[in-house]
Amino acid sequence: MPILAVDTVVAAIRARSVNAPRLVVAIDGRSGSGKSTVAEAVAQAVDAVIVPCDDFFAASVSNAEWDRRTPEQRAADAIDWRRLKREAIEPLRAGRAARWYAFDFLAGPRDDGTYPLQRTPTERAPKPVVLLDGAYSARPELADALDLSVLVEAAPSTREARLAAREAADFLRQWHARWDLAEEHYFGHVRPPSAFDVVLQTDGVSARRKSAEPVSRRAEAKQIVGLAARTTNAAESNLSTAKIPLLWGQFTNEHWSERLEEVGAFGPTIAVYSAYESDVSGSYQLLVGRQVRNSGPLSSPLQVVSAPQGSYLVFHCSGPLPQAVIGGWRDVWAYFAGGNALARAYSFDFELYLPRGSVEIWVAVRDR
């Protein structure tokens, strides 16, 4: 029977930790079920490190090759579980730091249709609990490494609404065509609900959990093309003067995510803040669009922002939009107001709307 409280997961972890110094917990579920939200909530309650399984997506398989494979083959090969186990699970379980190169969705496909890995490694310090966050994280090949398996479920209508709120329609059409049957096979035959230790239902869950501590990252130079507006935080606090909701409405209602592919756009939606007048009290430009390799001549109303490489702190947030992102920025402001050593650069900041419900806020910081 599905269990409604995240506290049940926390209780199961604490019960198992009595006899084990370190635990590995898989938080599995279909796209849009709320896995990342659950992972963050659990991580806030216990001393845990989150490993995003999307980082280990099988980058060496092209989209064309995925489409040639059966749903069973896609489910079997979606994540590189051997690399996940070798580079993340085993060192963290042994109390050592883990270091891996994540799948680089933002870079777009290479000429052969495969994807690169990020140039900057992801590093995680060991903690008593390791949370594997992502679909296929409880796959049978990892059974010997898992101490607890959690299935996060939501009704199809709930999952579809969550996905539609954060993904472009064209991307979703391709995603559903390629992965719905793979998930149906995996959660129907490979790992049905009866195979999990805990089943968690997330329908009706809207509370946003506090973001985890930010991660230091380097970003490569990039160009983003899209729609832009200039505003201030003071203006955005008043519905009669707010421009950001109108900008997002135009971007969504006029289908600009799909239309930008005509100028070579790739990857997820990106919202980039730039041209800061001063700090949080001054004006700034917000551009909502997608990344391109070379912008070329653009017709109105499109604009381009060219951001150089730089140092960032990355804040992860998830949950219903736009509340999750609004709350994420509150966490950003609270973090920098708390006397931390790093100072904001007020140059280029990003919101990355990644697949499977993940939103990252990249805040530029001054190099030490």
Protein backbone atom coordinates (compact mmCIF):
# COMPACT_ATOMS: atom_id res chain seq x y z
CA MET A 1 0.00 0.00 0.00
CA PRO A 2 1.45 3.43 -0.92
CA ILE A 3 2.77 5.45 2.01
CA LEU A 4 2.25 9.22 2.07
CA ALA A 5 4.94 10.51 4.43
CA VAL A 6 8.58 11.10 3.56
CA ASP A 7 9.14 10.49 7.27
CA THR A 8 8.65 6.79 6.55
CA VAL A 9 11.72 6.81 4.29
CA VAL A 10 13.70 8.64 6.96
CA ALA A 11 12.57 6.12 9.58
CA ALA A 12 13.61 3.20 7.35
CA ILE A 13 17.03 4.75 6.82
CA ARG A 14 17.55 5.30 10.53
CA ALA A 15 16.46 1.75 11.35
CA ARG A 16 18.95 0.28 8.88
CA SER A 17 21.75 2.60 9.96
CA VAL A 18 21.89 0.94 13.39
CA ASN A 19 23.83 -1.97 11.93
CA ALA A 20 25.57 -0.24 9.02
CA PRO A 21 27.92 2.76 9.13
CA ARG A 22 26.99 3.79 5.56
CA LEU A 23 23.83 3.19 3.54
CA VAL A 24 23.00 3.43 -0.16
CA VAL A 25 19.37 4.29 -0.94
CA ALA A 26 17.79 4.24 -4.41
CA ILE A 27 15.00 6.76 -5.03
CA ASP A 28 13.43 5.48 -8.22
CA GLY A 29 10.32 6.39 -10.19
CA ARG A 30 8.90 7.46 -13.52
CA SER A 31 9.53 10.85 -15.09
CA GLY A 32 7.64 13.60 -13.27
CA SER A 33 6.90 11.49 -10.19
CA GLY A 34 8.82 13.81 -7.84
CA LYS A 35 12.01 11.84 -7.18
CA SER A 36 14.28 14.87 -6.82
CA THR A 37 11.86 16.59 -4.44
CA VAL A 38 11.79 13.46 -2.28
CA ALA A 39 15.59 13.12 -2.42
CA GLU A 40 16.05 16.70 -1.25
CA ALA A 41 13.52 16.25 1.55
CA VAL A 42 15.25 13.10 2.77
CA ALA A 43 18.70 14.70 2.48
CA GLN A 44 17.50 17.56 4.70
CA ALA A 45 16.41 15.07 7.36
CA VAL A 46 19.47 12.82 7.38
CA ASP A 47 23.15 13.37 6.72
CA ALA A 48 23.04 12.37 3.04
CA VAL A 49 24.81 13.03 -0.25
CA ILE A 50 22.70 12.99 -3.43
CA VAL A 51 24.02 11.31 -6.58
CA PRO A 52 21.91 12.31 -9.65
CA CYS A 53 21.64 9.23 -11.83
CA ASP A 54 21.05 11.46 -14.87
CA ASP A 55 24.76 12.28 -14.60
CA PHE A 56 25.37 8.69 -15.71
CA PHE A 57 22.98 8.65 -18.66
CA ALA A 58 24.44 6.55 -21.49
CA ALA A 59 26.07 9.37 -23.44
CA SER A 60 27.69 7.03 -25.95
CA VAL A 61 24.33 6.02 -27.45
CA SER A 62 22.94 8.34 -30.14
CA ASN A 63 19.29 9.34 -30.36
CA ALA A 64 19.01 7.39 -33.62
CA GLU A 65 20.36 4.28 -31.91
CA TRP A 66 17.94 4.68 -29.00
CA ASP A 67 15.06 4.78 -31.50
CA ARG A 68 16.23 1.52 -33.08
CA ARG A 69 16.23 -0.30 -29.75
CA THR A 70 13.30 -2.03 -28.11
CA PRO A 71 11.74 -0.63 -24.92
CA GLU A 72 13.37 -3.47 -23.01
CA GLN A 73 16.81 -2.55 -24.40
CA ARG A 74 16.32 1.14 -23.63
CA ALA A 75 15.38 0.38 -20.04
CA ALA A 76 18.42 -1.87 -19.70
CA ASP A 77 20.90 0.63 -21.13
CA ALA A 78 19.52 4.05 -20.12
CA ILE A 79 22.12 4.66 -17.43
CA ASP A 80 25.71 3.45 -17.34
CA TRP A 81 25.23 1.52 -14.10
CA ARG A 82 28.77 0.15 -14.17
CA ARG A 83 30.25 3.66 -14.15
CA LEU A 84 27.70 4.77 -11.55
CA LYS A 85 28.77 1.92 -9.30
CA ARG A 86 32.51 2.32 -9.90
CA GLU A 87 32.78 6.13 -9.73
CA ALA A 88 30.10 7.06 -7.19
CA ILE A 89 28.60 4.21 -5.16
CA GLU A 90 31.75 2.26 -4.29
CA PRO A 91 33.95 5.18 -3.17
CA LEU A 92 31.16 6.88 -1.19
CA ARG A 93 30.22 3.63 0.53
CA ALA A 94 33.89 3.14 1.43
CA GLY A 95 34.05 6.62 2.97
CA ARG A 96 36.07 8.14 0.12
CA ALA A 97 35.28 11.19 -1.99
CA ALA A 98 33.66 10.44 -5.35
CA ARG A 99 34.58 12.11 -8.61
CA TRP A 100 32.91 11.69 -11.99
CA TYR A 101 32.23 13.49 -15.27
CA ALA A 102 28.52 14.04 -15.74
CA PHE A 103 26.49 13.66 -18.91
CA ASP A 104 26.51 17.08 -20.64
CA PHE A 105 22.98 17.65 -21.87
CA LEU A 106 23.63 21.37 -22.39
CA ALA A 107 26.43 20.76 -24.88
CA GLY A 108 24.02 19.24 -27.37
CA PRO A 109 24.69 16.19 -29.54
CA ARG A 110 27.96 15.70 -31.35
CA ASP A 111 28.14 15.08 -35.09
CA ASP A 112 27.58 11.36 -34.57
CA GLY A 113 24.50 11.96 -32.39
CA THR A 114 26.15 10.99 -29.10
CA TYR A 115 26.67 13.41 -26.22
CA PRO A 116 29.87 14.49 -24.47
CA LEU A 117 30.56 14.46 -20.77
CA GLN A 118 31.10 17.68 -18.87
CA ARG A 119 34.68 18.94 -18.86
CA THR A 120 34.58 19.84 -15.18
CA PRO A 121 34.26 16.87 -12.82
CA THR A 122 31.53 16.57 -10.22
CA GLU A 123 32.89 15.83 -6.76
CA ARG A 124 31.03 14.65 -3.69
CA ALA A 125 32.35 14.15 -0.16
CA PRO A 126 31.30 10.98 1.67
CA LYS A 127 28.38 11.05 4.10
CA PRO A 128 26.66 8.29 6.09
CA VAL A 129 23.82 8.04 3.55
CA VAL A 130 24.11 7.99 -0.25
CA LEU A 131 20.89 8.82 -2.16
CA LEU A 132 20.72 7.64 -5.78
CA ASP A 133 18.23 10.04 -7.37
CA GLY A 134 16.77 8.97 -10.69
CA ALA A 135 14.84 6.53 -12.82
CA TYR A 136 16.43 3.07 -13.04
CA SER A 137 18.43 3.70 -9.84
CA ALA A 138 17.08 0.50 -8.24
CA ARG A 139 17.89 -1.67 -11.25
CA PRO A 140 18.73 -5.33 -10.45
CA GLU A 141 22.40 -4.93 -11.39
CA LEU A 142 22.82 -2.58 -8.41
CA ALA A 143 20.92 -4.77 -5.93
CA ASP A 144 24.10 -5.88 -4.13
CA ALA A 145 25.01 -2.22 -3.49
CA LEU A 146 21.60 -1.08 -2.20
CA ASP A 147 20.41 -1.06 1.39
CA LEU A 148 16.98 0.44 0.71
CA SER A 149 14.86 0.97 -2.41
CA VAL A 150 12.16 3.65 -2.63
CA LEU A 151 9.59 3.96 -5.41
CA VAL A 152 8.14 7.45 -5.92
CA GLU A 153 4.75 7.35 -7.62
CA ALA A 154 2.22 9.87 -8.93
CA ALA A 155 -0.87 9.58 -11.09
CA PRO A 156 -0.27 9.89 -14.87
CA SER A 157 -2.19 13.18 -14.94
CA THR A 158 0.01 14.58 -12.16
CA ARG A 159 3.22 13.52 -13.87
CA GLU A 160 2.07 14.87 -17.24
CA ALA A 161 1.16 18.23 -15.69
CA ARG A 162 4.54 18.49 -13.96
CA LEU A 163 6.41 17.64 -17.16
CA ALA A 164 4.35 20.05 -19.25
CA ALA A 165 5.08 22.87 -16.80
CA ARG A 166 8.84 22.53 -17.15
CA GLU A 167 9.56 21.12 -20.63
CA ALA A 168 9.05 22.33 -24.18
CA ALA A 169 6.22 20.58 -26.04
CA ASP A 170 8.50 19.36 -28.83
CA PHE A 171 10.98 17.92 -26.35
CA LEU A 172 8.17 16.15 -24.50
CA ARG A 173 6.83 14.58 -27.68
CA GLN A 174 10.24 13.11 -28.43
CA TRP A 175 10.76 12.09 -24.81
CA HIS A 176 7.43 10.27 -24.52
CA ALA A 177 7.93 8.51 -27.85
CA ARG A 178 11.35 7.24 -26.81
CA TRP A 179 11.00 6.55 -23.09
CA ASP A 180 7.38 5.95 -22.05
CA LEU A 181 7.40 2.30 -23.11
CA ALA A 182 10.84 1.79 -21.58
CA GLU A 183 9.55 3.06 -18.22
CA GLU A 184 6.41 0.94 -18.62
CA HIS A 185 8.56 -2.16 -19.07
CA TYR A 186 10.96 -1.32 -16.22
CA PHE A 187 8.30 -0.43 -13.62
CA GLY A 188 5.90 -3.11 -14.81
CA HIS A 189 8.25 -6.08 -15.17
CA VAL A 190 11.81 -5.37 -14.02
CA ARG A 191 11.06 -3.44 -10.80
CA PRO A 192 7.31 -3.47 -10.08
CA PRO A 193 6.05 -1.72 -6.92
CA SER A 194 6.11 -5.00 -4.98
CA ALA A 195 9.90 -5.16 -5.45
CA PHE A 196 10.53 -1.92 -3.51
CA ASP A 197 10.98 -1.52 0.24
CA VAL A 198 8.95 1.70 0.38
CA VAL A 199 6.38 3.16 -2.03
CA LEU A 200 5.82 6.89 -1.73
CA GLN A 201 2.84 8.70 -3.29
CA THR A 202 3.41 12.37 -4.25
CA ASP A 203 0.03 13.40 -5.70
CA GLY A 204 -1.03 16.68 -4.16
CA VAL A 205 2.44 17.39 -2.74
CA SER A 206 3.31 21.04 -3.28
CA ALA A 207 5.49 22.00 -0.33
CA ARG A 208 8.95 23.13 -1.37
CA ARG A 209 11.90 21.89 0.61
CA LYS A 210 14.92 24.00 1.34
CA SER A 211 17.64 23.73 -1.28
CA ALA A 212 20.75 21.72 -0.51
CA GLU A 213 24.08 23.46 -0.12
CA PRO A 214 25.28 24.89 -3.47
CA VAL A 215 27.99 23.18 -5.47
CA SER A 216 30.96 25.04 -6.96
CA ARG A 217 31.21 24.62 -10.74
CA ARG A 218 32.92 26.14 -13.78
CA ALA A 219 30.80 26.98 -16.83
CA GLU A 220 32.03 27.10 -20.40
CA ALA A 221 31.33 30.11 -22.62
CA LYS A 222 27.93 29.96 -24.26
CA GLN A 223 25.47 31.91 -26.39
CA ILE A 224 21.75 31.95 -25.60
CA VAL A 225 19.11 33.24 -28.03
CA GLY A 226 15.60 34.15 -26.93
CA LEU A 227 13.18 36.81 -25.74
CA ALA A 228 14.34 39.49 -23.32
CA ALA A 229 13.00 42.16 -20.98
CA ARG A 230 14.59 44.60 -18.55
CA THR A 231 13.19 44.80 -15.04
CA THR A 232 13.97 45.13 -11.34
CA ASN A 233 13.17 43.00 -8.30
CA ALA A 234 11.02 45.86 -6.99
CA ALA A 235 8.95 45.83 -10.18
CA GLU A 236 8.55 42.06 -10.01
CA SER A 237 7.08 42.29 -6.51
CA ASN A 238 4.00 44.05 -7.93
CA LEU A 239 1.70 42.25 -10.35
CA SER A 240 0.87 45.50 -12.14
CA THR A 241 4.54 46.17 -13.02
CA ALA A 242 5.98 42.66 -13.22
CA LYS A 243 7.48 41.80 -16.62
CA ILE A 244 8.84 38.30 -16.01
CA PRO A 245 5.43 36.52 -16.02
CA LEU A 246 4.59 38.27 -19.31
CA LEU A 247 7.95 37.26 -20.80
CA TRP A 248 7.47 33.61 -19.84
CA GLY A 249 3.90 33.75 -21.12
CA GLN A 250 5.07 35.02 -24.50
CA PHE A 251 7.83 32.42 -24.69
CA THR A 252 5.40 29.59 -23.89
CA ASN A 253 2.26 30.71 -25.75
CA GLU A 254 4.14 31.58 -28.95
CA HIS A 255 6.03 28.25 -28.85
CA TRP A 256 9.46 29.87 -28.94
CA SER A 257 11.21 26.82 -27.52
CA GLU A 258 10.36 24.92 -30.70
CA ARG A 259 10.75 27.93 -33.02
CA LEU A 260 14.29 28.58 -31.78
CA GLU A 261 15.39 25.33 -33.39
CA GLU A 262 15.12 27.21 -36.70
CA VAL A 263 18.20 29.21 -35.63
CA GLY A 264 20.07 26.13 -34.40
CA ALA A 265 18.99 26.09 -30.75
CA PHE A 266 19.60 22.95 -28.71
CA GLY A 267 19.34 21.75 -25.14
CA PRO A 268 16.85 22.77 -22.46
CA THR A 269 15.30 26.15 -21.78
CA ILE A 270 17.67 28.62 -20.13
CA ALA A 271 16.79 31.87 -18.38
CA VAL A 272 19.84 34.13 -18.21
CA TYR A 273 20.14 37.24 -16.04
CA SER A 274 22.70 39.78 -17.24
CA ALA A 275 23.51 43.47 -17.73
CA TYR A 276 23.14 44.12 -14.00
CA GLU A 277 22.98 47.79 -13.08
CA SER A 278 24.39 47.08 -9.61
CA ASP A 279 23.16 44.37 -7.22
CA VAL A 280 19.79 42.97 -6.13
CA SER A 281 18.42 46.50 -5.87
CA GLY A 282 19.31 47.54 -9.44
CA SER A 283 17.86 46.73 -12.84
CA TYR A 284 18.87 43.74 -14.96
CA GLN A 285 17.96 41.97 -18.18
CA LEU A 286 16.29 38.56 -18.26
CA LEU A 287 16.47 36.54 -21.48
CA VAL A 288 14.52 33.29 -21.82
CA GLY A 289 15.71 31.02 -24.60
CA ARG A 290 17.97 28.16 -25.59
CA GLN A 291 21.64 27.72 -26.34
CA VAL A 292 23.11 28.06 -29.85
CA ARG A 293 26.61 27.50 -31.17
CA ASN A 294 26.62 30.54 -33.49
CA SER A 295 23.76 33.01 -33.32
CA GLY A 296 24.18 34.71 -36.71
CA PRO A 297 21.75 37.46 -37.80
CA LEU A 298 18.54 37.51 -35.75
CA SER A 299 15.13 38.98 -36.47
CA SER A 300 13.03 40.82 -33.89
CA PRO A 301 12.03 40.02 -31.20
CA LEU A 302 14.99 37.66 -30.73
CA GLN A 303 18.10 38.76 -28.87
CA VAL A 304 21.34 37.02 -27.95
CA VAL A 305 23.44 36.95 -24.79
CA SER A 306 27.07 35.81 -24.92
CA ALA A 307 28.32 34.64 -21.55
CA PRO A 308 32.04 33.95 -21.02
CA GLN A 309 33.32 31.02 -18.99
CA GLY A 310 33.34 31.62 -15.27
CA SER A 311 32.94 30.34 -11.72
CA TYR A 312 29.48 29.58 -10.34
CA LEU A 313 27.66 28.25 -7.33
CA VAL A 314 24.86 25.92 -8.41
CA PHE A 315 21.65 25.73 -6.37
CA HIS A 316 19.29 22.84 -7.09
CA CYS A 317 15.55 23.25 -6.67
CA SER A 318 12.53 21.18 -7.65
CA GLY A 319 8.80 21.09 -7.19
CA PRO A 320 5.86 22.83 -8.84
CA LEU A 321 6.80 25.78 -11.04
CA PRO A 322 7.20 28.68 -10.70
CA GLN A 323 7.09 28.39 -6.89
CA ALA A 324 10.16 26.13 -6.79
CA VAL A 325 12.32 28.64 -8.68
CA ILE A 326 11.00 31.61 -6.69
CA GLY A 327 11.89 29.73 -3.53
CA GLY A 328 15.25 28.81 -5.01
CA TRP A 329 16.12 32.49 -5.47
CA ARG A 330 15.12 33.17 -1.89
CA ASP A 331 17.65 30.51 -0.90
CA VAL A 332 20.26 32.21 -3.10
CA TRP A 333 19.69 35.59 -1.46
CA ALA A 334 19.75 34.05 2.02
CA TYR A 335 22.98 32.19 1.25
CA PHE A 336 24.87 35.28 0.11
CA ALA A 337 23.43 37.39 2.92
CA GLY A 338 24.78 34.91 5.44
CA GLY A 339 28.39 36.13 5.38
CA ASN A 340 29.75 33.38 3.11
CA ALA A 341 33.26 33.81 1.75
CA LEU A 342 32.28 33.95 -1.93
CA ALA A 343 30.79 37.14 -3.35
CA ARG A 344 28.34 37.38 -6.24
CA ALA A 345 29.81 38.70 -9.48
CA TYR A 346 26.53 40.13 -10.85
CA SER A 347 27.61 39.28 -14.38
CA PHE A 348 25.64 36.33 -15.79
CA ASP A 349 23.31 34.08 -13.77
CA PHE A 350 21.29 31.17 -15.19
CA GLU A 351 18.25 29.07 -14.54
CA LEU A 352 18.59 25.71 -16.32
CA TYR A 353 15.33 23.81 -16.80
CA LEU A 354 16.70 20.28 -17.10
CA PRO A 355 14.85 17.07 -17.95
CA ARG A 356 12.98 15.05 -15.35
CA GLY A 357 12.03 17.96 -13.14
CA SER A 358 15.39 19.34 -12.20
CA VAL A 359 15.98 23.10 -12.15
CA GLU A 360 19.42 24.51 -11.41
CA ILE A 361 20.19 28.13 -10.55
CA TRP A 362 23.76 29.03 -11.53
CA VAL A 363 24.99 32.15 -9.72
CA ALA A 364 28.22 33.74 -10.90
CA VAL A 365 30.80 34.35 -8.17
CA ARG A 366 34.01 36.29 -8.14
CA ASP A 367 37.18 34.26 -8.48
CA ARG A 368 39.17 34.16 -5.29
